[in-house]
Protein backbone atom coordinates (compact mmCIF):
# COMPACT_ATOMS: atom_id res chain seq x y z
CA MET A 1 56.64 105.25 83.33
CA ASP A 2 55.53 106.62 86.69
CA MET A 3 57.61 109.68 87.63
CA LYS A 4 57.29 108.74 91.32
CA GLU A 5 59.63 105.85 90.59
CA TYR A 6 62.35 108.10 89.20
CA PRO A 7 62.66 111.12 91.49
CA MET A 8 66.17 111.95 90.22
CA LEU A 9 65.34 111.71 86.52
CA LEU A 10 64.17 115.30 86.02
CA PRO A 11 67.15 116.93 87.79
CA ALA A 12 69.49 114.64 85.85
CA LEU A 13 67.85 115.58 82.55
CA ALA A 14 67.97 119.25 83.46
CA LEU A 15 71.68 118.96 84.18
CA LEU A 16 72.28 117.09 80.93
CA PHE A 17 70.63 119.81 78.84
CA ALA A 18 71.90 122.80 80.82
CA ALA A 19 74.24 125.27 79.18
CA PRO A 20 77.89 124.30 79.75
CA GLU A 21 78.52 127.30 82.01
CA ASP A 22 75.56 126.25 84.20
CA ARG A 23 76.78 122.67 84.76
CA ALA A 24 79.88 123.21 86.85
CA PRO A 25 80.54 126.91 87.28
CA ASN A 26 84.07 127.88 88.10
CA PRO A 27 83.96 130.83 90.51
CA GLN A 28 87.23 132.10 89.01
CA ILE A 29 85.79 132.37 85.48
CA ASP A 30 82.90 134.76 84.86
CA TYR A 31 81.86 134.74 81.21
CA ALA A 32 78.63 136.62 81.96
CA GLY A 33 80.67 139.30 83.72
CA PHE A 34 83.03 139.48 80.74
CA ALA A 35 80.08 139.83 78.35
CA THR A 36 78.63 142.64 80.49
CA LEU A 37 82.00 144.41 80.74
CA THR A 38 82.48 144.12 76.98
CA GLY A 39 79.09 145.73 76.37
CA ASP A 40 79.80 148.49 78.89
CA VAL A 41 83.21 149.27 77.35
CA ARG A 42 81.99 149.36 73.75
CA SER A 43 80.70 152.94 73.73
CA VAL A 44 83.69 154.21 75.74
CA ARG A 45 86.13 152.61 73.30
CA ALA A 46 84.29 154.11 70.31
CA ARG A 47 85.03 157.59 71.70
CA ARG A 48 88.68 156.78 72.46
CA LEU A 49 89.99 155.89 68.98
CA LEU A 50 92.73 158.29 67.85
CA ASP A 51 94.31 158.91 64.49
CA LEU A 52 98.11 158.85 64.44
CA ALA A 53 98.53 162.60 64.94
CA ALA A 54 96.18 162.67 67.94
CA PHE A 55 97.76 159.48 69.35
CA THR A 56 101.23 161.04 69.12
CA ALA A 57 100.00 164.28 70.71
CA LYS A 58 98.29 162.44 73.58
CA ALA A 59 101.42 160.32 74.10
CA GLY A 60 103.33 163.58 74.61
CA GLU A 61 101.05 164.70 77.45
CA LYS A 62 102.49 164.76 80.95
CA GLY A 63 102.07 161.38 82.63
CA ALA A 64 100.89 159.57 79.49
CA LEU A 65 101.97 155.96 79.03
CA ILE A 66 102.13 153.94 75.81
CA LEU A 67 101.41 150.34 76.78
CA ASP A 68 102.36 147.56 74.37
CA ALA A 69 100.53 144.34 75.34
CA ARG A 70 102.19 142.17 72.69
CA SER A 71 104.51 139.35 73.68
CA ALA A 72 107.90 140.27 75.10
CA ASP A 73 109.73 138.84 72.08
CA LYS A 74 107.61 140.84 69.60
CA PHE A 75 108.11 143.97 71.69
CA ALA A 76 111.88 143.38 71.75
CA ALA A 77 111.83 143.01 67.96
CA GLY A 78 110.21 146.43 67.52
CA HIS A 79 107.81 148.86 69.15
CA ILE A 80 106.69 152.47 69.24
CA ASP A 81 109.32 154.67 70.91
CA GLY A 82 108.79 155.05 74.63
CA ALA A 83 106.32 152.18 74.94
CA VAL A 84 106.31 149.98 78.03
CA ASN A 85 105.71 146.27 77.54
CA LEU A 86 103.34 144.18 79.63
CA PRO A 87 102.03 141.19 77.65
CA LEU A 88 98.27 140.72 77.93
CA THR A 89 98.88 137.20 79.25
CA ASP A 90 100.68 138.78 82.22
CA PHE A 91 97.88 141.20 83.15
CA THR A 92 97.06 140.99 86.84
CA ALA A 93 96.13 143.80 89.21
CA GLU A 94 99.66 143.72 90.63
CA ALA A 95 101.47 143.62 87.27
CA LEU A 96 99.37 146.47 85.89
CA ALA A 97 99.99 148.59 88.98
CA ALA A 98 103.73 147.98 88.64
CA ALA A 99 103.77 148.89 84.94
CA ILE A 100 101.33 151.81 85.08
CA GLY A 101 102.05 153.25 88.49
CA PRO A 102 99.74 154.54 91.22
CA ASN A 103 97.76 157.02 89.09
CA ARG A 104 94.86 154.93 87.74
CA ASP A 105 93.62 157.94 85.76
CA ARG A 106 96.80 158.56 83.77
CA PRO A 107 96.34 158.44 79.99
CA ILE A 108 97.19 154.96 78.70
CA LEU A 109 97.67 154.62 74.96
CA ILE A 110 97.52 151.22 73.27
CA TYR A 111 98.26 149.74 69.85
CA CYS A 112 98.67 146.25 68.42
CA ASN A 113 99.81 144.33 65.34
CA ASN A 114 96.65 145.28 63.47
CA ASN A 115 97.63 148.96 63.55
CA PHE A 116 100.44 148.25 61.08
CA SER A 117 100.22 147.66 57.34
CA ASN A 118 103.53 145.78 57.20
CA HIS A 119 101.98 142.36 58.06
CA ARG A 120 105.31 140.76 58.93
CA ALA A 121 107.48 140.30 61.98
CA PRO A 122 107.20 141.76 64.49
CA VAL A 123 103.62 142.79 63.62
CA PRO A 124 101.89 140.00 61.68
CA LEU A 125 98.21 140.66 60.99
CA LYS A 126 95.81 138.98 63.42
CA ASN A 127 92.15 138.06 62.96
CA PRO A 128 90.42 141.48 63.10
CA ALA A 129 87.75 140.25 65.53
CA LEU A 130 90.54 139.08 67.86
CA ALA A 131 92.86 142.07 67.54
CA LEU A 132 94.86 142.59 70.71
CA ASN A 133 93.61 146.17 71.10
CA ILE A 134 90.12 144.87 71.85
CA GLN A 135 91.15 142.59 74.70
CA THR A 136 93.68 145.10 76.02
CA PHE A 137 91.10 147.91 76.16
CA ILE A 138 88.52 145.70 77.89
CA ASN A 139 91.09 144.40 80.39
CA LEU A 140 92.45 147.82 81.29
CA VAL A 141 88.99 149.24 81.94
CA GLY A 142 88.00 146.06 83.78
CA TYR A 143 91.03 146.43 86.05
CA GLY A 144 89.99 150.00 86.86
CA TYR A 145 91.95 152.15 84.40
CA PRO A 146 89.36 154.50 82.86
CA ASN A 147 91.63 156.72 80.73
CA VAL A 148 92.53 154.33 77.88
CA TRP A 149 93.10 155.58 74.33
CA GLU A 150 93.66 153.45 71.23
CA LEU A 151 95.47 154.04 67.95
CA ARG A 152 92.79 153.82 65.26
CA ASP A 153 94.91 154.11 62.14
CA VAL A 154 96.71 151.50 60.09
CA VAL A 155 100.24 152.78 59.57
CA ASP A 156 103.55 151.62 58.15
CA PHE A 157 106.11 151.22 60.92
CA ASN A 158 108.68 152.72 58.53
CA ASP A 159 106.78 156.02 58.56
CA PRO A 160 108.94 158.36 60.67
CA ARG A 161 105.81 159.82 62.31
CA VAL A 162 105.27 156.45 64.03
CA GLY A 163 108.54 156.61 65.93
CA TRP A 164 109.35 152.92 65.63
CA THR A 165 112.24 151.43 67.56
CA ALA A 166 113.56 148.42 65.68
CA GLY A 167 114.92 145.46 67.56
CA ALA A 168 117.37 142.89 66.28
CA SER A 169 114.85 140.95 64.18
CA SER A 170 113.34 144.01 62.51
CA ALA A 171 116.56 146.02 62.01
CA GLY A 172 116.64 145.17 58.32
CA ARG A 173 113.07 146.27 57.59
CA THR A 174 112.36 148.06 54.34
């Protein structure tokens, strides 16, 4: 086969064997940017994990916000006292600004299902590698909120130190 006869063969083969993200990039999806952000946030997050006592103390600081990024129905079924709900699926610059307010440097405290040992509604255990805290932390920093703190401990939501507000579906918890 004479390559002069098939001038489009090499570009076609290159396209065929290219990585999926190189074939038809979507300018609104940036996996490489996400991977970079994730790497950048890793060391920050490692220094921002708080045990329950420290989490509670930080939540009591002036201007601190507890942000619950679980679904609205899970939040309604039970959450840490004083938490504000904004589901991760609803994160946009505008929604975050509305929930958090104008001070981008205010302390934001986060928790998720995997912080609770109960493993039932409204906090069923998730795959540890996909725990909501991870995505929430990355998203908050990525949207320009540098003062994020995360509950490190696994606690029972019946423990009075947690300050759990039970909704209708978790009112009969034991």
